[in-house]
Amino acid sequence: MNTLRFRLANHEDIPSILEIYAPYIEETTVTFEYDVPSLEAFSKRFEEITERFPWYVCEDGETVVGYAYASPAFTRAAFRWDADLSVYIVPSYHHRGIGKRFYEILEQDLYQMGYHNVYALITGKNQVSCAFHESLGYTLLGRLPRTGFKHGEWLDLYWYGKRLRDATPPSSFPQKRL
């Protein structure tokens, strides 16, 4: 674990990030995305997200082995204090504390930026992720039965949430990426 380094992602990381994400799309139900986006489309997604939110990578030496980012949880102005979190890690690097460290970093950034709530959407077959989120203090807010169809089966979706700060009225919208 001594060689692992966490840092903000940059444009040069996009091909490596997409390489990590592609097998999750093609081989799993972890994401409900069907098709691997083109490098151009994924670069645009990266630009749109990082305009407002942090996006991190984890490197082992010079190799990107995982990434995590925050994005808008909802689109209406009243939800500007809410963020959705996503984490993807190369499978051979699972169970090394990378996901936990990503969440610590993202939650700290989002708190400093003025966010109140963070959420995670998890497919029903991904019980490891459900247990992971619960271990970090996330609460199951709801289950949407048979809401996604992928790889020939209907899948439940679990919605987890965590409050970063109390519910006092905010004095301003969250600031853009630190």
C-alpha atoms as a PDB file:
ATOM      1  CA  MET A   1       0.000   0.000   0.000  1.00  0.00           C
ATOM      2  CA  ASN A   2       3.006   2.297   0.347  1.00  0.00           C
ATOM      3  CA  THR A   3       3.155   2.837  -3.404  1.00  0.00           C
ATOM      4  CA  LEU A   4      -0.469   3.944  -3.696  1.00  0.00           C
ATOM      5  CA  ARG A   5      -1.015   7.640  -4.286  1.00  0.00           C
ATOM      6  CA  PHE A   6      -4.294   9.562  -4.494  1.00  0.00           C
ATOM      7  CA  ARG A   7      -4.498  12.748  -6.540  1.00  0.00           C
ATOM      8  CA  LEU A   8      -6.915  14.817  -8.582  1.00  0.00           C
ATOM      9  CA  ALA A   9      -7.481  13.351 -12.021  1.00  0.00           C
ATOM     10  CA  ASN A  10      -6.412  15.218 -15.150  1.00  0.00           C
ATOM     11  CA  HIS A  11      -6.994  14.914 -18.898  1.00  0.00           C
ATOM     12  CA  GLU A  12      -4.059  12.554 -19.326  1.00  0.00           C
ATOM     13  CA  ASP A  13      -5.802  10.067 -17.011  1.00  0.00           C
ATOM     14  CA  ILE A  14      -8.950   9.761 -19.113  1.00  0.00           C
ATOM     15  CA  PRO A  15      -7.808   6.785 -21.261  1.00  0.00           C
ATOM     16  CA  SER A  16      -6.749   4.857 -18.126  1.00  0.00           C
ATOM     17  CA  ILE A  17     -10.000   5.724 -16.356  1.00  0.00           C
ATOM     18  CA  LEU A  18     -12.040   4.549 -19.334  1.00  0.00           C
ATOM     19  CA  GLU A  19      -9.990   1.340 -19.459  1.00  0.00           C
ATOM     20  CA  ILE A  20     -10.940   0.659 -15.814  1.00  0.00           C
ATOM     21  CA  TYR A  21     -14.606   1.472 -16.427  1.00  0.00           C
ATOM     22  CA  ALA A  22     -15.116  -0.550 -19.642  1.00  0.00           C
ATOM     23  CA  PRO A  23     -15.137  -4.045 -18.040  1.00  0.00           C
ATOM     24  CA  TYR A  24     -17.675  -2.848 -15.465  1.00  0.00           C
ATOM     25  CA  ILE A  25     -19.969  -1.883 -18.348  1.00  0.00           C
ATOM     26  CA  GLU A  26     -19.355  -4.947 -20.493  1.00  0.00           C
ATOM     27  CA  GLU A  27     -19.132  -7.688 -17.861  1.00  0.00           C
ATOM     28  CA  THR A  28     -21.068  -6.592 -14.771  1.00  0.00           C
ATOM     29  CA  THR A  29     -24.274  -5.048 -13.523  1.00  0.00           C
ATOM     30  CA  VAL A  30     -22.384  -2.638 -11.243  1.00  0.00           C
ATOM     31  CA  THR A  31     -23.263   0.126 -13.703  1.00  0.00           C
ATOM     32  CA  PHE A  32     -26.472   0.285 -15.696  1.00  0.00           C
ATOM     33  CA  GLU A  33     -24.605   1.752 -18.665  1.00  0.00           C
ATOM     34  CA  TYR A  34     -24.820  -0.598 -21.672  1.00  0.00           C
ATOM     35  CA  ASP A  35     -22.162   0.681 -24.069  1.00  0.00           C
ATOM     36  CA  VAL A  36     -18.605   1.791 -23.420  1.00  0.00           C
ATOM     37  CA  PRO A  37     -18.488   5.494 -24.272  1.00  0.00           C
ATOM     38  CA  SER A  38     -16.026   6.713 -26.866  1.00  0.00           C
ATOM     39  CA  LEU A  39     -12.947   8.470 -25.587  1.00  0.00           C
ATOM     40  CA  GLU A  40     -14.417  11.717 -26.899  1.00  0.00           C
ATOM     41  CA  ALA A  41     -17.751  11.215 -25.104  1.00  0.00           C
ATOM     42  CA  PHE A  42     -16.025  10.149 -21.891  1.00  0.00           C
ATOM     43  CA  SER A  43     -13.715  13.179 -22.072  1.00  0.00           C
ATOM     44  CA  LYS A  44     -16.766  15.409 -22.369  1.00  0.00           C
ATOM     45  CA  ARG A  45     -18.325  13.686 -19.339  1.00  0.00           C
ATOM     46  CA  PHE A  46     -15.089  14.254 -17.406  1.00  0.00           C
ATOM     47  CA  GLU A  47     -15.078  17.954 -18.357  1.00  0.00           C
ATOM     48  CA  GLU A  48     -18.694  18.478 -17.327  1.00  0.00           C
ATOM     49  CA  ILE A  49     -18.261  16.758 -13.978  1.00  0.00           C
ATOM     50  CA  THR A  50     -14.921  18.336 -13.053  1.00  0.00           C
ATOM     51  CA  GLU A  51     -16.254  21.788 -13.783  1.00  0.00           C
ATOM     52  CA  ARG A  52     -18.059  21.558 -10.421  1.00  0.00           C
ATOM     53  CA  PHE A  53     -16.944  18.402  -8.642  1.00  0.00           C
ATOM     54  CA  PRO A  54     -13.733  16.625  -7.595  1.00  0.00           C
ATOM     55  CA  TRP A  55     -12.534  13.551  -9.508  1.00  0.00           C
ATOM     56  CA  TYR A  56      -9.642  11.539  -8.104  1.00  0.00           C
ATOM     57  CA  VAL A  57      -7.428   8.699  -9.266  1.00  0.00           C
ATOM     58  CA  CYS A  58      -5.379   6.212  -7.282  1.00  0.00           C
ATOM     59  CA  GLU A  59      -2.011   5.305  -8.735  1.00  0.00           C
ATOM     60  CA  ASP A  60       0.237   2.367  -7.997  1.00  0.00           C
ATOM     61  CA  GLY A  61       3.550   3.705  -9.222  1.00  0.00           C
ATOM     62  CA  GLU A  62       2.678   5.169 -12.625  1.00  0.00           C
ATOM     63  CA  THR A  63      -0.440   3.046 -13.191  1.00  0.00           C
ATOM     64  CA  VAL A  64      -3.963   4.291 -12.471  1.00  0.00           C
ATOM     65  CA  VAL A  65      -5.708   1.504 -10.540  1.00  0.00           C
ATOM     66  CA  GLY A  66      -8.910   3.245  -9.505  1.00  0.00           C
ATOM     67  CA  TYR A  67     -10.922   6.417  -9.713  1.00  0.00           C
ATOM     68  CA  ALA A  68     -13.707   8.137  -7.851  1.00  0.00           C
ATOM     69  CA  TYR A  69     -15.740  11.262  -8.346  1.00  0.00           C
ATOM     70  CA  ALA A  70     -18.715  13.229  -7.140  1.00  0.00           C
ATOM     71  CA  SER A  71     -21.459  14.443  -9.451  1.00  0.00           C
ATOM     72  CA  PRO A  72     -24.878  16.081  -9.128  1.00  0.00           C
ATOM     73  CA  ALA A  73     -27.367  13.829  -7.381  1.00  0.00           C
ATOM     74  CA  PHE A  74     -30.305  15.656  -8.968  1.00  0.00           C
ATOM     75  CA  THR A  75     -30.739  18.509 -11.450  1.00  0.00           C
ATOM     76  CA  ARG A  76     -33.116  21.014  -9.810  1.00  0.00           C
ATOM     77  CA  ALA A  77     -31.679  24.014  -7.941  1.00  0.00           C
ATOM     78  CA  ALA A  78     -33.161  22.897  -4.597  1.00  0.00           C
ATOM     79  CA  PHE A  79     -30.888  19.836  -4.708  1.00  0.00           C
ATOM     80  CA  ARG A  80     -27.597  21.712  -5.172  1.00  0.00           C
ATOM     81  CA  TRP A  81     -26.432  20.613  -1.723  1.00  0.00           C
ATOM     82  CA  ASP A  82     -26.574  16.934  -2.707  1.00  0.00           C
ATOM     83  CA  ALA A  83     -23.895  14.909  -4.491  1.00  0.00           C
ATOM     84  CA  ASP A  84     -23.701  11.397  -5.859  1.00  0.00           C
ATOM     85  CA  LEU A  85     -20.493   9.369  -5.455  1.00  0.00           C
ATOM     86  CA  SER A  86     -19.005   6.800  -7.836  1.00  0.00           C
ATOM     87  CA  VAL A  87     -15.942   4.595  -7.363  1.00  0.00           C
ATOM     88  CA  TYR A  88     -14.355   2.092  -9.744  1.00  0.00           C
ATOM     89  CA  ILE A  89     -11.262   0.082  -8.895  1.00  0.00           C
ATOM     90  CA  VAL A  90      -9.279  -2.505 -10.855  1.00  0.00           C
ATOM     91  CA  PRO A  91     -10.509  -5.826  -9.396  1.00  0.00           C
ATOM     92  CA  SER A  92      -7.026  -7.008  -8.373  1.00  0.00           C
ATOM     93  CA  TYR A  93      -6.844  -3.916  -6.121  1.00  0.00           C
ATOM     94  CA  HIS A  94     -10.125  -4.567  -4.291  1.00  0.00           C
ATOM     95  CA  HIS A  95     -10.001  -4.973  -0.484  1.00  0.00           C
ATOM     96  CA  ARG A  96      -6.928  -2.775  -0.041  1.00  0.00           C
ATOM     97  CA  GLY A  97      -8.700   0.226   1.484  1.00  0.00           C
ATOM     98  CA  ILE A  98      -8.745   2.231  -1.757  1.00  0.00           C
ATOM     99  CA  GLY A  99     -12.523   2.704  -1.828  1.00  0.00           C
ATOM    100  CA  LYS A 100     -12.582   3.788   1.806  1.00  0.00           C
ATOM    101  CA  ARG A 101      -9.792   6.305   1.196  1.00  0.00           C
ATOM    102  CA  PHE A 102     -11.584   7.671  -1.889  1.00  0.00           C
ATOM    103  CA  TYR A 103     -14.728   8.208   0.192  1.00  0.00           C
ATOM    104  CA  GLU A 104     -12.782   9.942   2.976  1.00  0.00           C
ATOM    105  CA  ILE A 105     -11.217  12.325   0.460  1.00  0.00           C
ATOM    106  CA  LEU A 106     -14.451  13.026  -1.434  1.00  0.00           C
ATOM    107  CA  GLU A 107     -16.538  13.517   1.700  1.00  0.00           C
ATOM    108  CA  GLN A 108     -13.967  15.938   3.119  1.00  0.00           C
ATOM    109  CA  ASP A 109     -13.852  17.917  -0.148  1.00  0.00           C
ATOM    110  CA  LEU A 110     -17.631  18.027  -0.447  1.00  0.00           C
ATOM    111  CA  TYR A 111     -18.009  19.141   3.151  1.00  0.00           C
ATOM    112  CA  GLN A 112     -15.534  21.962   2.597  1.00  0.00           C
ATOM    113  CA  MET A 113     -17.364  22.927  -0.586  1.00  0.00           C
ATOM    114  CA  GLY A 114     -20.653  23.257   1.331  1.00  0.00           C
ATOM    115  CA  TYR A 115     -22.482  20.032   0.473  1.00  0.00           C
ATOM    116  CA  HIS A 116     -24.932  18.559   2.963  1.00  0.00           C
ATOM    117  CA  ASN A 117     -25.783  15.098   1.624  1.00  0.00           C
ATOM    118  CA  VAL A 118     -23.996  12.402  -0.352  1.00  0.00           C
ATOM    119  CA  TYR A 119     -25.647   9.467  -2.074  1.00  0.00           C
ATOM    120  CA  ALA A 120     -24.748   6.215  -3.761  1.00  0.00           C
ATOM    121  CA  LEU A 121     -26.880   4.094  -6.069  1.00  0.00           C
ATOM    122  CA  ILE A 122     -26.019   0.401  -5.937  1.00  0.00           C
ATOM    123  CA  THR A 123     -27.374  -2.478  -7.981  1.00  0.00           C
ATOM    124  CA  GLY A 124     -29.062  -5.178  -5.950  1.00  0.00           C
ATOM    125  CA  LYS A 125     -26.540  -7.851  -6.940  1.00  0.00           C
ATOM    126  CA  ASN A 126     -23.679  -5.783  -5.522  1.00  0.00           C
ATOM    127  CA  GLN A 127     -24.123  -6.692  -1.863  1.00  0.00           C
ATOM    128  CA  VAL A 128     -20.407  -6.137  -1.223  1.00  0.00           C
ATOM    129  CA  SER A 129     -20.910  -2.466  -2.074  1.00  0.00           C
ATOM    130  CA  CYS A 130     -24.003  -2.289   0.138  1.00  0.00           C
ATOM    131  CA  ALA A 131     -21.985  -3.632   3.084  1.00  0.00           C
ATOM    132  CA  PHE A 132     -19.122  -1.262   2.259  1.00  0.00           C
ATOM    133  CA  HIS A 133     -21.410   1.783   2.332  1.00  0.00           C
ATOM    134  CA  GLU A 134     -23.058   0.683   5.566  1.00  0.00           C
ATOM    135  CA  SER A 135     -19.595   0.310   7.150  1.00  0.00           C
ATOM    136  CA  LEU A 136     -18.926   3.962   6.254  1.00  0.00           C
ATOM    137  CA  GLY A 137     -22.109   5.210   7.916  1.00  0.00           C
ATOM    138  CA  TYR A 138     -24.393   5.293   4.869  1.00  0.00           C
ATOM    139  CA  THR A 139     -28.041   4.468   5.472  1.00  0.00           C
ATOM    140  CA  LEU A 140     -30.265   2.522   3.118  1.00  0.00           C
ATOM    141  CA  LEU A 141     -32.854   5.085   2.042  1.00  0.00           C
ATOM    142  CA  GLY A 142     -34.798   2.933  -0.355  1.00  0.00           C
ATOM    143  CA  ARG A 143     -34.984   0.007  -2.719  1.00  0.00           C
ATOM    144  CA  LEU A 144     -36.323   0.304  -6.234  1.00  0.00           C
ATOM    145  CA  PRO A 145     -37.321  -3.237  -7.207  1.00  0.00           C
ATOM    146  CA  ARG A 146     -36.606  -4.477 -10.732  1.00  0.00           C
ATOM    147  CA  THR A 147     -35.799  -0.985 -11.942  1.00  0.00           C
ATOM    148  CA  GLY A 148     -32.856  -1.710 -14.244  1.00  0.00           C
ATOM    149  CA  PHE A 149     -32.561  -4.321 -16.974  1.00  0.00           C
ATOM    150  CA  LYS A 150     -29.087  -5.494 -17.927  1.00  0.00           C
ATOM    151  CA  HIS A 151     -27.518  -8.739 -19.112  1.00  0.00           C
ATOM    152  CA  GLY A 152     -30.934 -10.360 -19.456  1.00  0.00           C
ATOM    153  CA  GLU A 153     -32.254  -9.730 -15.972  1.00  0.00           C
ATOM    154  CA  TRP A 154     -34.198  -7.181 -13.969  1.00  0.00           C
ATOM    155  CA  LEU A 155     -32.175  -5.685 -11.144  1.00  0.00           C
ATOM    156  CA  ASP A 156     -33.065  -3.862  -7.961  1.00  0.00           C
ATOM    157  CA  LEU A 157     -31.440  -0.547  -7.192  1.00  0.00           C
ATOM    158  CA  TYR A 158     -30.505   0.433  -3.644  1.00  0.00           C
ATOM    159  CA  TRP A 159     -30.239   4.082  -2.693  1.00  0.00           C
ATOM    160  CA  TYR A 160     -27.843   4.893   0.149  1.00  0.00           C
ATOM    161  CA  GLY A 161     -27.255   8.272   1.756  1.00  0.00           C
ATOM    162  CA  LYS A 162     -25.140  10.031   4.341  1.00  0.00           C
ATOM    163  CA  ARG A 163     -25.527  13.485   5.849  1.00  0.00           C
ATOM    164  CA  LEU A 164     -22.275  15.478   5.887  1.00  0.00           C
ATOM    165  CA  ARG A 165     -23.584  18.353   8.027  1.00  0.00           C
ATOM    166  CA  ASP A 166     -26.682  19.215   9.990  1.00  0.00           C
ATOM    167  CA  ALA A 167     -29.809  20.507   8.340  1.00  0.00           C
ATOM    168  CA  THR A 168     -29.331  24.200   9.186  1.00  0.00           C
ATOM    169  CA  PRO A 169     -30.260  26.482   6.304  1.00  0.00           C
ATOM    170  CA  PRO A 170     -27.246  27.136   4.054  1.00  0.00           C
ATOM    171  CA  SER A 171     -26.066  30.679   3.495  1.00  0.00           C
ATOM    172  CA  SER A 172     -25.013  29.989  -0.112  1.00  0.00           C
ATOM    173  CA  PHE A 173     -24.841  27.325  -2.768  1.00  0.00           C
ATOM    174  CA  PRO A 174     -21.866  24.975  -2.557  1.00  0.00           C
ATOM    175  CA  GLN A 175     -18.754  26.315  -4.191  1.00  0.00           C
ATOM    176  CA  LYS A 176     -17.335  24.760  -7.307  1.00  0.00           C
ATOM    177  CA  ARG A 177     -14.513  22.270  -7.156  1.00  0.00           C
ATOM    178  CA  LEU A 178     -11.786  23.149  -4.660  1.00  0.00           C
END
